[in-house]
């Protein structure tokens, strides 16, 4: 027994076409079909939600982040 995992598309006509490896030619086969719909991904290839940057770009334009002065650097004894 050999397990082959395929991803395919069922057309509007309801027909599913499968292409099998050449080693399966001219044989009687028992075929088990498990149907599991593929969920559309809600993230891009880097894992960010789709449209995240388009929705958030410029969101803080009215209140920009500022870095106040940090003061003087403390001089320490040499170790």
Foldseek 3Di string as FASTA:
>chain_A
DDDDDDDFDQDPVRDTDDDDDPVCPPDDDDDDDDDDDDDDDQADPVRHGPCPCVVCPCVCVVPDDDDDDPDDDDDDDDD
